[in-house]
């Protein structure tokens, strides 16, 4: 036996390898705490290596692997936390790898290893026992990788995860992960066709592959993105490599048939495990770096650097996303009612229903942040639907009530929300006339064509529409959609208290709205000076803390 090894299938002090030899497999036992690895006597023959080269540690064994499979074995043991019962745990695994003699892969040899790993009660890897046997090289994933300059997304991410696991476990070494994205692939496809676009992507991949070092891996992450794992890569080398990839893509036009097409790429890079200890972090932060590169313009490179402010914003967005989903699922959506009053008499003429999402501790999240995040996550209908139901309940209960609610363009362009309103109006004629639907100025300016059918349906049931948060650009919206009300944004109102320019804008808005038959409301009115300024500009109604703060409740306070 090598180094006093023992067969996994014998328990005597001097086991015989006959069973393994006849079956064509070898066996190993690996202690992860000491890194000592023990092979059966026939292991060198099965692995097709010199018996003198048979290693005594896991690390030495891994050095015999070809670069494209060096992280394969360490990736199979999961990173587990302590077990619920404090007991050791185990599981089975299967992995394949290729061995090499010096720098040359042993031709046609792919080893499959099947075994069982064990972790202790604290979740730390303890040991692995396995059998080893050769398989046909064409059946192996790594053989296909070796034959191709660009591997699949799955293979790329598997290798990245394995390498990160090894680096974190060994607590030494770094790697670079780089995302290279072709700029404006949609434009290339539009101008030259999808077939040409595919050929450009293939050519770019081959260009990048030629600039890799031995042992590095290039894979296709998505339609226009490549990912590269740069092993044994320092921070300085990463920046140099990222610039090299960018320059390689754009150094000369891509020749397609008789055409030469110039392309460029944006590059985002991350040094791991320093800034990304696992696969999810590496992907996410490399994408962040890529986004920063794209914001800087075409053909730019950015290497991820930690940012306290960015991390704070990310945590806030994650918290809000969870709160939005959980809050709506657990009926934590509340409504705050803010009065709208006549400027001259301060008499209440209606209330705006404002969404509030309550956290588990009873506190409300920042409303603007929640609404914005709901739109980005395509969850706006999760707010809009319940808000409509709350508003309709108030209108049914109080025949004198007038309520306005904010509706996103995405919800309004759909059918479900409008169908619910039409059904309610059919059951109680006249009810929709006391509900005002507020649509953001930006939505009207950006995509009013898609809103037109919805606006026609609102008009058909007698539901008035308000143009919300109108600023200087809002003058362009008049005439595009029929509105009964115009609400001036709070920022413009605050600025107009002390500056003549904003006051001139407000007067122009009032003039245009009056000509269109719409009433004007000034928002964010916090003081008498603001109220007096709006009155002088001809604003008919006020909304803000001066006339009443939003109050959470099932219905408006009377």
Protein backbone atom coordinates (compact mmCIF):
# COMPACT_ATOMS: atom_id res chain seq x y z
CA UNK A 1 0.00 0.00 0.00
CA UNK A 2 1.16 3.56 -0.71
CA UNK A 3 2.16 5.47 2.43
CA UNK A 4 0.57 2.82 4.66
CA UNK A 5 -2.71 3.15 2.80
CA UNK A 6 -5.71 0.91 3.24
CA UNK A 7 -8.54 -0.10 0.97
CA UNK A 8 -11.91 1.44 1.66
CA UNK A 9 -13.46 -1.97 1.28
CA UNK A 10 -11.26 -3.88 3.76
CA UNK A 11 -11.07 -3.62 7.51
CA UNK A 12 -8.09 -5.87 8.29
CA UNK A 13 -4.67 -4.47 9.16
CA UNK A 14 -3.18 -5.75 5.90
CA UNK A 15 -5.95 -5.44 3.34
CA UNK A 16 -5.81 -6.91 -0.12
CA UNK A 17 -6.48 -4.76 -3.19
CA UNK A 18 -7.62 -7.75 -5.23
CA UNK A 19 -11.28 -6.70 -5.36
CA UNK A 20 -10.43 -3.20 -6.56
CA UNK A 21 -7.86 -4.43 -9.08
CA UNK A 22 -10.23 -6.94 -10.59
CA UNK A 23 -13.05 -4.42 -10.72
CA UNK A 24 -10.85 -1.80 -12.38
CA UNK A 25 -11.19 0.87 -9.71
CA UNK A 26 -9.00 2.31 -6.97
CA UNK A 27 -9.97 3.86 -3.66
CA UNK A 28 -8.93 6.82 -1.52
CA UNK A 29 -9.51 8.26 1.93
CA UNK A 30 -8.97 11.98 2.46
CA UNK A 31 -8.73 13.69 5.85
CA UNK A 32 -9.62 17.31 5.19
CA UNK A 33 -8.37 18.57 8.55
CA UNK A 34 -4.83 17.28 7.97
CA UNK A 35 -5.12 17.17 4.14
CA UNK A 36 -3.64 13.66 4.24
CA UNK A 37 -4.85 11.45 1.41
CA UNK A 38 -4.46 7.67 1.26
CA UNK A 39 -4.79 5.60 -1.92
CA UNK A 40 -5.19 1.88 -2.53
CA UNK A 41 -2.20 -0.02 -3.95
CA UNK A 42 -3.51 -0.04 -7.51
CA UNK A 43 -4.28 3.71 -7.64
CA UNK A 44 -1.23 4.60 -9.76
CA UNK A 45 -2.22 2.03 -12.39
CA UNK A 46 -5.84 3.23 -12.46
CA UNK A 47 -4.78 6.87 -12.63
CA UNK A 48 -2.07 6.02 -15.22
CA UNK A 49 0.68 7.89 -13.40
CA UNK A 50 4.09 6.95 -12.06
CA UNK A 51 3.72 5.26 -8.64
CA UNK A 52 6.42 7.57 -7.33
CA UNK A 53 4.19 10.54 -8.24
CA UNK A 54 1.24 9.33 -6.20
CA UNK A 55 0.65 12.19 -3.74
CA UNK A 56 0.22 12.05 0.00
CA UNK A 57 -1.95 15.19 0.39
CA UNK A 58 -5.09 16.49 -1.22
CA UNK A 59 -3.32 19.66 -2.28
CA UNK A 60 -0.56 17.69 -4.03
CA UNK A 61 -3.21 15.52 -5.70
CA UNK A 62 -4.99 18.58 -7.05
CA UNK A 63 -1.73 19.82 -8.59
CA UNK A 64 -1.83 16.77 -10.85
CA UNK A 65 -5.14 17.95 -12.35
CA UNK A 66 -5.35 19.83 -15.63
CA UNK A 67 -5.98 23.57 -15.07
CA UNK A 68 -9.57 23.35 -16.29
CA UNK A 69 -10.47 20.79 -13.60
CA UNK A 70 -8.33 21.86 -10.62
CA UNK A 71 -11.30 23.05 -8.56
CA UNK A 72 -13.51 20.05 -9.28
CA UNK A 73 -13.01 18.00 -6.10
CA UNK A 74 -13.26 20.84 -3.58
CA UNK A 75 -16.56 22.03 -5.11
CA UNK A 76 -18.43 18.86 -4.20
CA UNK A 77 -18.38 19.39 -0.42
CA UNK A 78 -21.08 21.93 0.46
CA UNK A 79 -20.54 24.81 2.86
CA UNK A 80 -22.89 23.76 5.65
CA UNK A 81 -23.62 25.44 8.94
CA UNK A 82 -24.11 23.60 12.22
CA UNK A 83 -26.73 20.88 12.07
CA UNK A 84 -30.00 21.32 13.96
CA UNK A 85 -29.30 18.28 16.10
CA UNK A 86 -25.56 18.86 16.55
CA UNK A 87 -24.76 15.61 14.76
CA UNK A 88 -22.23 14.92 12.02
CA UNK A 89 -23.65 14.82 8.53
CA UNK A 90 -22.61 13.23 5.28
CA UNK A 91 -23.56 13.04 1.64
CA UNK A 92 -22.56 11.45 -1.63
CA UNK A 93 -20.77 13.05 -4.55
CA UNK A 94 -19.55 12.33 -8.07
CA UNK A 95 -16.93 14.37 -9.91
CA UNK A 96 -14.72 13.99 -12.97
CA UNK A 97 -11.28 15.40 -13.70
CA UNK A 98 -8.28 14.94 -15.96
CA UNK A 99 -4.69 14.35 -14.87
CA UNK A 100 -1.51 15.58 -16.45
CA UNK A 101 2.13 14.60 -16.70
CA UNK A 102 4.04 17.84 -16.28
CA UNK A 103 2.17 20.41 -18.35
CA UNK A 104 0.66 17.87 -20.73
CA UNK A 105 -2.73 16.23 -20.13
CA UNK A 106 -2.55 12.43 -20.12
CA UNK A 107 -4.23 11.57 -23.45
CA UNK A 108 -7.69 10.09 -23.26
CA UNK A 109 -7.71 9.76 -19.46
CA UNK A 110 -10.68 11.10 -17.51
CA UNK A 111 -11.16 9.95 -13.93
CA UNK A 112 -14.55 9.65 -12.29
CA UNK A 113 -14.57 9.79 -8.50
CA UNK A 114 -17.62 8.64 -6.54
CA UNK A 115 -17.69 8.89 -2.79
CA UNK A 116 -19.12 10.22 0.44
CA UNK A 117 -18.14 13.37 2.27
CA UNK A 118 -18.64 14.03 5.99
CA UNK A 119 -18.87 17.25 7.97
CA UNK A 120 -18.79 17.61 11.75
CA UNK A 121 -21.48 19.06 14.01
CA UNK A 122 -20.18 22.59 13.36
CA UNK A 123 -20.56 22.19 9.61
CA UNK A 124 -16.81 21.88 8.93
CA UNK A 125 -15.66 19.37 6.27
CA UNK A 126 -13.94 16.42 7.94
CA UNK A 127 -13.28 13.65 5.45
CA UNK A 128 -14.13 12.02 2.15
CA UNK A 129 -13.87 8.39 1.00
CA UNK A 130 -14.29 7.37 -2.62
CA UNK A 131 -13.59 4.99 -5.45
CA UNK A 132 -11.81 6.08 -8.64
CA UNK A 133 -12.04 4.65 -12.13
CA UNK A 134 -11.33 5.82 -15.70
CA UNK A 135 -14.15 6.74 -18.06
CA UNK A 136 -14.19 7.46 -21.76
CA UNK A 137 -12.90 10.97 -22.35
CA UNK A 138 -15.61 11.99 -24.88
CA UNK A 139 -18.29 11.43 -22.23
CA UNK A 140 -16.69 13.91 -19.87
CA UNK A 141 -17.72 17.52 -19.53
CA UNK A 142 -14.11 18.58 -19.03
CA UNK A 143 -13.03 16.91 -22.26
CA UNK A 144 -15.57 19.01 -24.13
CA UNK A 145 -14.27 22.07 -22.32
CA UNK A 146 -10.71 21.30 -23.33
CA UNK A 147 -11.78 21.10 -26.98
CA UNK A 148 -13.53 24.46 -26.92
CA UNK A 149 -12.11 27.94 -26.34
CA UNK A 150 -15.40 29.10 -24.82
CA UNK A 151 -17.20 26.88 -22.31
CA UNK A 152 -20.85 26.92 -21.35
CA UNK A 153 -22.32 29.13 -18.64
CA UNK A 154 -22.86 26.12 -16.37
CA UNK A 155 -19.27 24.96 -16.75
CA UNK A 156 -17.89 28.44 -16.18
CA UNK A 157 -19.91 29.00 -13.01
CA UNK A 158 -19.14 25.51 -11.71
CA UNK A 159 -15.42 26.19 -12.05
CA UNK A 160 -15.73 29.64 -10.51
CA UNK A 161 -17.65 28.23 -7.54
CA UNK A 162 -15.09 25.45 -7.10
CA UNK A 163 -12.13 27.82 -7.23
CA UNK A 164 -13.74 30.20 -4.74
CA UNK A 165 -14.45 27.30 -2.38
CA UNK A 166 -10.79 26.25 -2.53
CA UNK A 167 -9.47 29.77 -1.95
CA UNK A 168 -11.80 30.36 1.00
CA UNK A 169 -10.93 27.01 2.54
CA UNK A 170 -7.17 27.40 2.10
CA UNK A 171 -7.25 31.07 3.11
CA UNK A 172 -4.67 31.98 0.51
CA UNK A 173 -4.58 33.12 -3.09
CA UNK A 174 -6.84 35.31 -5.22
CA UNK A 175 -8.55 35.06 -8.58
CA UNK A 176 -10.11 37.55 -10.92
CA UNK A 177 -13.59 37.25 -12.39
CA UNK A 178 -14.30 39.44 -15.40
CA UNK A 179 -17.51 40.07 -17.35
CA UNK A 180 -17.01 41.33 -20.91
CA UNK A 181 -20.20 42.64 -22.53
CA UNK A 182 -20.55 43.68 -26.15
CA UNK A 183 -21.86 47.23 -26.42
CA UNK A 184 -25.18 47.77 -28.24
CA UNK A 185 -25.78 44.21 -29.42
CA UNK A 186 -29.40 45.18 -30.11
CA UNK A 187 -28.17 47.81 -32.55
CA UNK A 188 -25.87 45.32 -34.27
CA UNK A 189 -28.76 42.86 -34.65
CA UNK A 190 -31.06 45.61 -35.92
CA UNK A 191 -28.62 46.89 -38.52
CA UNK A 192 -26.97 43.67 -39.67
CA UNK A 193 -29.34 40.87 -38.64
CA UNK A 194 -29.28 38.25 -35.89
CA UNK A 195 -27.12 35.82 -37.86
CA UNK A 196 -24.41 38.45 -38.25
CA UNK A 197 -24.78 39.33 -34.57
CA UNK A 198 -24.17 35.70 -33.62
CA UNK A 199 -21.08 35.56 -35.81
CA UNK A 200 -19.74 38.74 -34.21
CA UNK A 201 -20.23 37.23 -30.76
CA UNK A 202 -18.41 34.07 -31.81
CA UNK A 203 -15.52 36.07 -33.27
CA UNK A 204 -15.25 38.22 -30.15
CA UNK A 205 -15.18 35.10 -27.98
CA UNK A 206 -12.30 33.67 -29.97
CA UNK A 207 -10.42 36.97 -29.71
CA UNK A 208 -10.76 37.03 -25.94
CA UNK A 209 -9.82 33.35 -25.64
CA UNK A 210 -6.54 33.98 -27.43
CA UNK A 211 -5.59 36.50 -24.74
CA UNK A 212 -6.09 34.12 -21.81
CA UNK A 213 -3.22 32.63 -19.87
CA UNK A 214 -2.89 28.90 -19.46
CA UNK A 215 -5.32 27.72 -16.78
CA UNK A 216 -7.75 30.63 -17.20
CA UNK A 217 -11.33 29.88 -18.32
CA UNK A 218 -13.62 31.78 -20.66
CA UNK A 219 -17.36 31.07 -20.82
CA UNK A 220 -20.52 32.46 -22.38
CA UNK A 221 -22.60 34.04 -19.62
CA UNK A 222 -25.49 35.23 -21.78
CA UNK A 223 -26.26 36.40 -25.29
CA UNK A 224 -23.75 39.26 -25.36
CA UNK A 225 -21.71 38.59 -22.21
CA UNK A 226 -18.59 36.52 -21.61
CA UNK A 227 -17.15 35.62 -18.23
CA UNK A 228 -13.50 34.88 -17.54
CA UNK A 229 -11.97 33.22 -14.48
CA UNK A 230 -8.38 34.37 -14.05
CA UNK A 231 -6.59 32.05 -11.64
CA UNK A 232 -3.70 33.20 -9.45
CA UNK A 233 -4.49 36.80 -10.31
CA UNK A 234 -3.43 39.84 -8.29
CA UNK A 235 -5.32 43.11 -8.09
CA UNK A 236 -2.83 44.81 -10.40
CA UNK A 237 -2.91 41.94 -12.88
CA UNK A 238 -6.71 42.01 -12.86
CA UNK A 239 -6.83 45.66 -13.91
CA UNK A 240 -4.30 44.98 -16.67
CA UNK A 241 -6.24 41.92 -17.90
CA UNK A 242 -9.55 43.82 -17.92
CA UNK A 243 -8.02 46.58 -20.06
CA UNK A 244 -6.49 43.93 -22.32
CA UNK A 245 -9.85 42.25 -22.92
CA UNK A 246 -11.50 45.60 -23.71
CA UNK A 247 -8.73 46.51 -26.15
CA UNK A 248 -8.78 43.05 -27.74
CA UNK A 249 -12.47 43.34 -28.62
CA UNK A 250 -12.14 46.76 -30.24
CA UNK A 251 -8.62 46.63 -31.64
CA UNK A 252 -9.82 46.01 -35.19
CA UNK A 253 -13.15 45.52 -37.00
CA UNK A 254 -14.73 42.08 -37.11
CA UNK A 255 -14.73 40.70 -40.67
CA UNK A 256 -18.09 39.18 -41.62
CA UNK A 257 -18.27 38.12 -45.27
CA UNK A 258 -17.38 41.26 -47.23
CA UNK A 259 -18.17 43.58 -44.33
CA UNK A 260 -15.90 44.84 -41.55
CA UNK A 261 -17.85 45.83 -38.46
CA UNK A 262 -16.28 47.76 -35.60
CA UNK A 263 -17.44 46.70 -32.14
CA UNK A 264 -16.62 47.62 -28.55
CA UNK A 265 -17.10 46.05 -25.14
CA UNK A 266 -17.61 47.22 -21.57
CA UNK A 267 -15.82 45.30 -18.83
CA UNK A 268 -16.54 44.77 -15.14
CA UNK A 269 -14.15 42.88 -12.87
CA UNK A 270 -13.95 41.63 -9.29
CA UNK A 271 -11.05 40.31 -7.19
CA UNK A 272 -12.06 37.24 -5.19
CA UNK A 273 -12.42 36.07 -2.54
CA UNK A 274 -11.35 39.45 -1.12
CA UNK A 275 -14.47 41.18 -2.42
CA UNK A 276 -16.61 38.13 -3.24
CA UNK A 277 -16.35 34.98 -1.10
CA UNK A 278 -18.91 32.96 -3.06
CA UNK A 279 -20.47 32.58 -6.48
CA UNK A 280 -23.48 34.85 -5.93
CA UNK A 281 -21.29 37.66 -4.61
CA UNK A 282 -18.82 37.31 -7.49
CA UNK A 283 -21.58 37.48 -10.10
CA UNK A 284 -23.42 40.33 -8.40
CA UNK A 285 -20.39 42.52 -7.81
CA UNK A 286 -18.89 41.90 -11.24
CA UNK A 287 -22.27 42.99 -12.67
CA UNK A 288 -22.14 46.11 -10.49
CA UNK A 289 -18.72 46.93 -11.89
CA UNK A 290 -20.04 46.31 -15.41
CA UNK A 291 -22.98 48.65 -14.78
CA UNK A 292 -20.56 51.34 -13.63
CA UNK A 293 -18.51 50.84 -16.78
CA UNK A 294 -21.60 51.18 -18.97
CA UNK A 295 -22.70 54.35 -17.22
CA UNK A 296 -19.29 55.83 -18.04
CA UNK A 297 -19.82 55.19 -21.78
CA UNK A 298 -18.96 52.61 -24.42
CA UNK A 299 -15.74 50.65 -24.14
CA UNK A 300 -15.08 51.42 -20.47
CA UNK A 301 -13.56 49.26 -17.73
CA UNK A 302 -14.37 49.25 -14.03
CA UNK A 303 -12.92 47.06 -11.27
CA UNK A 304 -15.17 46.60 -8.26
CA UNK A 305 -14.20 48.56 -5.16
CA UNK A 306 -16.11 48.44 -1.85
CA UNK A 307 -18.41 51.38 -1.15
CA UNK A 308 -20.08 51.91 2.21
CA UNK A 309 -22.78 54.10 0.66
CA UNK A 310 -23.51 51.64 -2.15
CA UNK A 311 -23.71 48.77 0.32
CA UNK A 312 -26.08 50.81 2.49
CA UNK A 313 -28.35 51.54 -0.47
CA UNK A 314 -28.26 47.90 -1.53
CA UNK A 315 -29.25 46.73 1.94
CA UNK A 316 -32.03 49.31 2.02
CA UNK A 317 -33.36 48.16 -1.34
CA UNK A 318 -33.22 44.51 -0.28
CA UNK A 319 -35.02 45.34 2.95
CA UNK A 320 -37.66 47.32 1.08
CA UNK A 321 -38.13 44.57 -1.49
CA UNK A 322 -38.71 42.05 1.28
CA UNK A 323 -40.96 44.48 3.12
CA UNK A 324 -42.96 45.16 -0.03
CA UNK A 325 -43.54 41.49 -0.72
CA UNK A 326 -44.09 40.49 2.91
CA UNK A 327 -46.10 43.58 3.71
CA UNK A 328 -48.60 43.01 0.95
CA UNK A 329 -48.76 39.28 1.57
CA UNK A 330 -49.46 39.83 5.27
CA UNK A 331 -52.03 42.58 4.75
CA UNK A 332 -49.64 45.24 6.06
CA UNK A 333 -50.75 47.73 3.44
CA UNK A 334 -52.35 50.75 5.11
CA UNK A 335 -53.88 53.92 3.68
CA UNK A 336 -53.11 57.46 4.79
CA UNK A 337 -55.69 60.08 3.83
CA UNK A 338 -54.58 63.65 3.13
CA UNK A 339 -57.15 66.40 2.61
CA UNK A 340 -57.29 68.66 -0.45
CA UNK A 341 -58.80 72.09 0.32
CA UNK A 342 -60.10 75.14 -1.55
CA UNK A 343 -57.43 77.85 -1.57
CA UNK A 344 -59.84 80.67 -0.73
CA UNK A 345 -61.96 79.04 1.99
CA UNK A 346 -59.79 76.10 3.13
CA UNK A 347 -62.87 73.91 2.88
CA UNK A 348 -62.11 70.22 2.33
CA UNK A 349 -63.14 69.08 -1.15
CA UNK A 350 -61.61 65.61 -1.17
CA UNK A 351 -58.83 63.34 0.03
CA UNK A 352 -55.87 61.66 -1.61
CA UNK A 353 -55.34 58.02 -0.59
CA UNK A 354 -51.60 57.41 0.00
CA UNK A 355 -50.16 53.91 0.28
CA UNK A 356 -48.23 52.99 3.42
CA UNK A 357 -46.46 49.66 3.96
CA UNK A 358 -46.08 48.70 7.59
CA UNK A 359 -43.03 46.73 8.77
CA UNK A 360 -43.26 43.87 11.23
CA UNK A 361 -42.41 46.26 14.10
CA UNK A 362 -45.32 48.53 13.16
CA UNK A 363 -43.21 51.33 11.65
CA UNK A 364 -43.90 52.53 8.10
CA UNK A 365 -41.29 52.33 5.36
CA UNK A 366 -40.38 55.37 3.28
CA UNK A 367 -43.33 55.72 0.94
CA UNK A 368 -41.52 57.12 -2.10
CA UNK A 369 -38.87 54.41 -1.89
CA UNK A 370 -41.50 51.67 -1.65
CA UNK A 371 -43.49 53.01 -4.60
CA UNK A 372 -40.37 53.40 -6.76
CA UNK A 373 -39.16 49.92 -5.86
CA UNK A 374 -42.58 48.43 -6.60
CA UNK A 375 -42.40 49.90 -10.09
CA UNK A 376 -38.86 48.55 -10.68
CA UNK A 377 -39.84 45.08 -9.45
CA UNK A 378 -43.01 45.10 -11.54
CA UNK A 379 -45.09 44.89 -8.36
CA UNK A 380 -46.97 48.15 -8.85
CA UNK A 381 -50.22 46.27 -9.34
CA UNK A 382 -49.74 44.79 -5.88
CA UNK A 383 -50.14 48.31 -4.55
CA UNK A 384 -52.65 49.64 -7.05
CA UNK A 385 -55.21 46.85 -6.74
CA UNK A 386 -55.60 47.02 -2.94
CA UNK A 387 -55.58 50.82 -3.05
CA UNK A 388 -58.48 50.79 -5.52
CA UNK A 389 -60.46 48.42 -3.28
CA UNK A 390 -59.87 50.65 -0.23
CA UNK A 391 -60.92 53.76 -2.13
CA UNK A 392 -64.06 52.12 -3.52
CA UNK A 393 -65.03 50.91 -0.05
CA UNK A 394 -64.87 54.50 1.23
CA UNK A 395 -66.91 55.81 -1.72
CA UNK A 396 -69.58 53.14 -1.21
CA UNK A 397 -69.83 53.89 2.52
CA UNK A 398 -69.91 57.69 2.16
CA UNK A 399 -71.92 59.13 -0.78
CA UNK A 400 -70.38 62.56 -0.12
CA UNK A 401 -66.76 61.39 -0.25
CA UNK A 402 -64.38 62.27 -3.10
CA UNK A 403 -61.12 60.32 -3.29
CA UNK A 404 -58.05 60.34 -5.52
CA UNK A 405 -55.53 57.52 -5.89
CA UNK A 406 -52.20 57.18 -7.71
CA UNK A 407 -52.05 54.51 -10.41
CA UNK A 408 -48.93 53.41 -12.26
CA UNK A 409 -48.87 53.46 -16.04
CA UNK A 410 -48.16 49.70 -16.08
CA UNK A 411 -51.27 48.94 -14.03
CA UNK A 412 -53.41 51.33 -16.03
CA UNK A 413 -52.32 49.77 -19.31
CA UNK A 414 -53.44 46.35 -18.04
CA UNK A 415 -56.99 45.09 -17.92
CA UNK A 416 -57.66 43.80 -14.40
CA UNK A 417 -57.68 47.12 -12.55
CA UNK A 418 -59.93 48.84 -15.08
CA UNK A 419 -62.28 45.86 -15.26
CA UNK A 420 -62.74 46.05 -11.48
CA UNK A 421 -63.60 49.74 -11.68
CA UNK A 422 -66.03 49.19 -14.57
CA UNK A 423 -67.76 46.42 -12.63
CA UNK A 424 -68.09 48.67 -9.58
CA UNK A 425 -69.54 51.53 -11.65
CA UNK A 426 -72.06 49.18 -13.23
CA UNK A 427 -73.23 48.10 -9.78
CA UNK A 428 -73.32 51.65 -8.36
CA UNK A 429 -73.68 54.26 -11.15
CA UNK A 430 -72.02 57.57 -10.38
CA UNK A 431 -69.46 56.12 -7.97
CA UNK A 432 -66.56 56.36 -10.46
CA UNK A 433 -67.26 60.06 -10.87
CA UNK A 434 -66.13 60.64 -7.27
CA UNK A 435 -62.85 58.78 -7.83
CA UNK A 436 -59.97 60.68 -9.41
CA UNK A 437 -57.14 58.64 -10.95
CA UNK A 438 -53.77 60.39 -10.66
CA UNK A 439 -51.17 59.62 -13.34
CA UNK A 440 -47.59 60.86 -13.07
CA UNK A 441 -46.55 63.52 -15.54
CA UNK A 442 -43.52 61.41 -16.54
CA UNK A 443 -45.76 58.49 -17.53
CA UNK A 444 -47.84 60.69 -19.82
CA UNK A 445 -44.81 62.32 -21.43
CA UNK A 446 -43.00 59.00 -21.84
CA UNK A 447 -45.67 56.68 -23.21
CA UNK A 448 -49.04 58.37 -23.58
CA UNK A 449 -49.90 56.35 -26.68
CA UNK A 450 -50.24 53.11 -24.73
CA UNK A 451 -52.32 54.90 -22.09
CA UNK A 452 -54.92 56.21 -24.50
CA UNK A 453 -57.16 53.11 -24.52
CA UNK A 454 -57.18 53.07 -20.72
CA UNK A 455 -57.96 56.79 -20.56
CA UNK A 456 -60.86 56.27 -22.95
CA UNK A 457 -62.25 53.54 -20.67
CA UNK A 458 -61.92 55.83 -17.64
CA UNK A 459 -63.80 58.53 -19.51
CA UNK A 460 -66.51 56.05 -20.45
CA UNK A 461 -67.31 55.36 -16.78
CA UNK A 462 -67.06 59.05 -15.86
CA UNK A 463 -63.84 58.72 -13.84
CA UNK A 464 -61.80 61.98 -13.90
CA UNK A 465 -58.02 61.91 -14.46
CA UNK A 466 -55.42 64.09 -12.72
CA UNK A 467 -51.93 64.84 -14.03
CA UNK A 468 -49.69 64.43 -10.97
CA UNK A 469 -46.36 66.00 -9.98
CA UNK A 470 -46.40 68.50 -12.83
CA UNK A 471 -43.32 70.65 -13.33
CA UNK A 472 -42.08 72.81 -16.16
CA UNK A 473 -42.15 69.87 -18.56
CA UNK A 474 -45.82 69.33 -17.78
CA UNK A 475 -46.81 72.05 -20.22
CA UNK A 476 -45.97 69.55 -22.97
CA UNK A 477 -48.50 67.08 -21.58
CA UNK A 478 -51.54 69.33 -21.99
CA UNK A 479 -53.49 68.30 -25.04
CA UNK A 480 -51.97 64.82 -25.06
CA UNK A 481 -54.44 63.43 -22.54
CA UNK A 482 -57.76 64.80 -21.24
CA UNK A 483 -57.36 65.78 -17.58
CA UNK A 484 -59.76 67.23 -15.04
CA UNK A 485 -57.08 68.15 -12.52
CA UNK A 486 -53.41 69.22 -12.54
CA UNK A 487 -51.31 68.79 -9.38
CA UNK A 488 -48.13 70.90 -9.20
CA UNK A 489 -45.11 69.12 -7.72
CA UNK A 490 -44.07 70.08 -4.20
CA UNK A 491 -40.51 71.00 -5.19
CA UNK A 492 -41.73 73.61 -7.65
CA UNK A 493 -44.08 75.04 -5.03
CA UNK A 494 -41.28 75.35 -2.46
CA UNK A 495 -38.96 77.03 -4.96
CA UNK A 496 -41.66 79.46 -6.06
CA UNK A 497 -42.05 80.88 -2.56
CA UNK A 498 -38.73 82.71 -2.89
CA UNK A 499 -37.90 82.71 -6.62
CA UNK A 500 -39.64 84.46 -9.48
CA UNK A 501 -38.72 81.90 -12.14
CA UNK A 502 -40.65 79.02 -10.58
CA UNK A 503 -43.59 81.36 -9.95
CA UNK A 504 -43.69 82.14 -13.66
CA UNK A 505 -43.78 78.40 -14.42
CA UNK A 506 -46.71 77.94 -12.02
CA UNK A 507 -48.62 80.80 -13.66
CA UNK A 508 -48.04 79.21 -17.06
CA UNK A 509 -49.30 75.86 -15.79
CA UNK A 510 -52.42 77.50 -14.33
CA UNK A 511 -53.09 79.30 -17.61
CA UNK A 512 -52.74 76.11 -19.68
CA UNK A 513 -54.80 74.03 -17.25
CA UNK A 514 -57.57 76.62 -17.09
CA UNK A 515 -57.73 76.70 -20.87
CA UNK A 516 -58.09 72.90 -20.83
CA UNK A 517 -60.86 73.08 -18.22
CA UNK A 518 -58.76 71.51 -15.46
CA UNK A 519 -58.56 72.58 -11.83
CA UNK A 520 -55.06 73.17 -10.37
CA UNK A 521 -53.82 71.87 -7.02
CA UNK A 522 -50.59 72.99 -5.39
CA UNK A 523 -48.84 70.14 -3.49
CA UNK A 524 -46.45 70.28 -0.58
CA UNK A 525 -47.95 73.44 0.92
CA UNK A 526 -46.27 73.76 4.33
CA UNK A 527 -46.73 77.44 5.23
CA UNK A 528 -48.99 80.45 4.72
CA UNK A 529 -46.41 82.10 2.47
CA UNK A 530 -46.73 79.20 0.04
CA UNK A 531 -50.52 79.32 0.20
CA UNK A 532 -50.53 83.08 -0.48
CA UNK A 533 -48.12 82.68 -3.41
CA UNK A 534 -50.28 79.95 -4.97
CA UNK A 535 -53.42 82.03 -4.50
CA UNK A 536 -51.74 84.92 -6.29
CA UNK A 537 -50.86 82.59 -9.17
CA UNK A 538 -54.48 81.46 -9.49
CA UNK A 539 -54.10 77.97 -7.97
CA UNK A 540 -57.57 76.86 -6.86
CA UNK A 541 -56.72 74.10 -4.34
CA UNK A 542 -54.02 73.24 -1.82
CA UNK A 543 -52.60 70.01 -0.45
CA UNK A 544 -49.95 69.76 2.25
CA UNK A 545 -49.30 69.80 5.96
CA UNK A 546 -50.64 73.34 6.26
CA UNK A 547 -54.16 72.08 5.58
CA UNK A 548 -53.70 68.59 7.00
CA UNK A 549 -51.07 65.86 7.28
CA UNK A 550 -51.82 62.33 5.98
CA UNK A 551 -53.64 60.31 8.62
CA UNK A 552 -53.67 56.51 8.54
CA UNK A 553 -57.08 54.97 8.93
CA UNK A 554 -59.80 52.95 7.25
CA UNK A 555 -61.38 56.14 5.88
CA UNK A 556 -60.73 59.91 5.80
CA UNK A 557 -61.22 61.81 9.03
CA UNK A 558 -64.36 63.93 8.92
